[in-house]
Amino acid sequence: MIILTGTRKGQAPSVASVYRALAEHEKKEEYSEAIETAHADFAAFQQRDHRPA
């Protein structure tokens, strides 16, 4: 693995960075359905808020 952006661009990430990235990915996978539902609910709320009276 190589870091693509930032001050450490072109270098290998630390072990801690790899673990953080894996944990973040796992969290997104675990709660992906809840996140999608929340986004859909928020979009519906915004549409309802912007309807003409």
N, C-alpha and C. Protein backbone atom coordinates (compact mmCIF):
# COMPACT_ATOMS: atom_id res chain seq x y z
N MET A 1 0.83 -1.17 0.00
CA MET A 1 0.00 0.00 0.00
C MET A 1 0.88 1.24 0.00
N ILE A 2 0.39 2.24 -0.71
CA ILE A 2 1.09 3.51 -0.80
C ILE A 2 0.09 4.63 -0.54
N ILE A 3 0.50 5.63 0.22
CA ILE A 3 -0.33 6.80 0.48
C ILE A 3 -0.32 7.66 -0.78
N LEU A 4 -1.53 8.04 -1.25
CA LEU A 4 -1.64 8.77 -2.51
C LEU A 4 -1.68 10.28 -2.36
N THR A 5 -2.05 10.79 -1.19
CA THR A 5 -2.15 12.23 -1.00
C THR A 5 -1.57 12.63 0.35
N GLY A 6 -1.36 13.92 0.54
CA GLY A 6 -0.91 14.41 1.83
C GLY A 6 0.59 14.51 1.96
N THR A 7 1.03 14.79 3.18
CA THR A 7 2.46 15.02 3.41
C THR A 7 3.29 13.75 3.29
N ARG A 8 2.66 12.59 3.46
CA ARG A 8 3.39 11.32 3.36
C ARG A 8 3.15 10.63 2.01
N LYS A 9 2.77 11.41 1.00
CA LYS A 9 2.49 10.88 -0.34
C LYS A 9 3.68 10.05 -0.84
N GLY A 10 3.37 8.87 -1.35
CA GLY A 10 4.40 7.99 -1.89
C GLY A 10 5.02 7.06 -0.87
N GLN A 11 4.65 7.19 0.40
CA GLN A 11 5.22 6.34 1.45
C GLN A 11 4.20 5.28 1.87
N ALA A 12 4.68 4.29 2.56
CA ALA A 12 3.80 3.24 3.09
C ALA A 12 3.14 3.73 4.38
N PRO A 13 1.87 3.38 4.60
CA PRO A 13 1.20 3.79 5.84
C PRO A 13 1.71 3.00 7.03
N SER A 14 1.51 3.56 8.22
CA SER A 14 1.90 2.86 9.44
C SER A 14 0.89 1.74 9.71
N VAL A 15 1.25 0.84 10.58
CA VAL A 15 0.35 -0.25 10.95
C VAL A 15 -0.92 0.32 11.57
N ALA A 16 -0.79 1.35 12.40
CA ALA A 16 -1.97 1.96 13.03
C ALA A 16 -2.90 2.54 11.98
N SER A 17 -2.35 3.16 10.94
CA SER A 17 -3.19 3.73 9.88
C SER A 17 -3.94 2.64 9.13
N VAL A 18 -3.30 1.52 8.91
CA VAL A 18 -3.96 0.41 8.23
C VAL A 18 -5.12 -0.11 9.08
N TYR A 19 -4.89 -0.28 10.38
CA TYR A 19 -5.95 -0.74 11.27
C TYR A 19 -7.12 0.23 11.32
N ARG A 20 -6.82 1.54 11.36
CA ARG A 20 -7.88 2.55 11.37
C ARG A 20 -8.70 2.48 10.08
N ALA A 21 -8.01 2.34 8.95
CA ALA A 21 -8.71 2.26 7.67
C ALA A 21 -9.59 1.02 7.60
N LEU A 22 -9.10 -0.10 8.08
CA LEU A 22 -9.90 -1.33 8.09
C LEU A 22 -11.11 -1.20 9.01
N ALA A 23 -10.93 -0.58 10.17
CA ALA A 23 -12.03 -0.40 11.11
C ALA A 23 -13.10 0.53 10.51
N GLU A 24 -12.67 1.59 9.83
CA GLU A 24 -13.60 2.52 9.21
C GLU A 24 -14.40 1.82 8.10
N HIS A 25 -13.70 1.03 7.31
CA HIS A 25 -14.37 0.29 6.24
C HIS A 25 -15.39 -0.69 6.81
N GLU A 26 -15.01 -1.41 7.85
CA GLU A 26 -15.92 -2.38 8.47
C GLU A 26 -17.16 -1.68 9.02
N LYS A 27 -16.97 -0.53 9.63
CA LYS A 27 -18.10 0.22 10.19
C LYS A 27 -19.06 0.65 9.08
N LYS A 28 -18.52 1.12 7.96
CA LYS A 28 -19.36 1.53 6.84
C LYS A 28 -20.12 0.35 6.26
N GLU A 29 -19.47 -0.79 6.17
CA GLU A 29 -20.12 -1.99 5.64
C GLU A 29 -21.23 -2.46 6.59
N GLU A 30 -20.96 -2.41 7.87
CA GLU A 30 -21.91 -2.91 8.87
C GLU A 30 -23.17 -2.05 8.92
N TYR A 31 -23.01 -0.75 8.75
CA TYR A 31 -24.14 0.17 8.88
C TYR A 31 -24.57 0.78 7.55
N SER A 32 -24.19 0.17 6.43
CA SER A 32 -24.48 0.76 5.13
C SER A 32 -25.98 0.93 4.89
N GLU A 33 -26.79 -0.05 5.31
CA GLU A 33 -28.23 0.05 5.13
C GLU A 33 -28.81 1.20 5.95
N ALA A 34 -28.35 1.37 7.16
CA ALA A 34 -28.84 2.46 8.01
C ALA A 34 -28.44 3.81 7.43
N ILE A 35 -27.24 3.90 6.88
CA ILE A 35 -26.78 5.15 6.27
C ILE A 35 -27.63 5.48 5.05
N GLU A 36 -27.90 4.50 4.20
CA GLU A 36 -28.74 4.73 3.02
C GLU A 36 -30.15 5.17 3.42
N THR A 37 -30.70 4.54 4.43
CA THR A 37 -32.04 4.90 4.91
C THR A 37 -32.05 6.33 5.44
N ALA A 38 -31.03 6.69 6.19
CA ALA A 38 -30.94 8.04 6.73
C ALA A 38 -30.84 9.08 5.62
N HIS A 39 -30.06 8.78 4.58
CA HIS A 39 -29.94 9.71 3.45
C HIS A 39 -31.27 9.85 2.73
N ALA A 40 -31.98 8.75 2.53
CA ALA A 40 -33.28 8.79 1.86
C ALA A 40 -34.29 9.57 2.70
N ASP A 41 -34.30 9.35 3.99
CA ASP A 41 -35.21 10.08 4.88
C ASP A 41 -34.92 11.57 4.86
N PHE A 42 -33.65 11.93 4.87
CA PHE A 42 -33.27 13.34 4.86
C PHE A 42 -33.67 13.99 3.54
N ALA A 43 -33.48 13.29 2.42
CA ALA A 43 -33.87 13.83 1.12
C ALA A 43 -35.38 14.04 1.07
N ALA A 44 -36.14 13.09 1.59
CA ALA A 44 -37.60 13.22 1.62
C ALA A 44 -38.01 14.39 2.50
N PHE A 45 -37.34 14.58 3.61
CA PHE A 45 -37.63 15.69 4.51
C PHE A 45 -37.36 17.02 3.82
N GLN A 46 -36.25 17.11 3.09
CA GLN A 46 -35.92 18.35 2.38
C GLN A 46 -36.95 18.65 1.30
N GLN A 47 -37.40 17.64 0.57
CA GLN A 47 -38.39 17.84 -0.47
C GLN A 47 -39.70 18.32 0.14
N ARG A 48 -40.09 17.74 1.25
CA ARG A 48 -41.32 18.12 1.92
C ARG A 48 -41.23 19.57 2.42
N ASP A 49 -40.04 19.96 2.86
CA ASP A 49 -39.82 21.30 3.38
C ASP A 49 -39.89 22.37 2.29
N HIS A 50 -39.57 22.01 1.05
CA HIS A 50 -39.49 22.99 -0.03
C HIS A 50 -40.73 23.01 -0.94
N ARG A 51 -41.77 22.30 -0.56
CA ARG A 51 -43.02 22.33 -1.35
C ARG A 51 -43.70 23.69 -1.21
N PRO A 52 -44.31 24.17 -2.31
CA PRO A 52 -45.06 25.42 -2.20
C PRO A 52 -46.29 25.22 -1.33
N ALA A 53 -46.65 26.22 -0.56
CA ALA A 53 -47.79 26.14 0.36
C ALA A 53 -49.10 26.33 -0.32
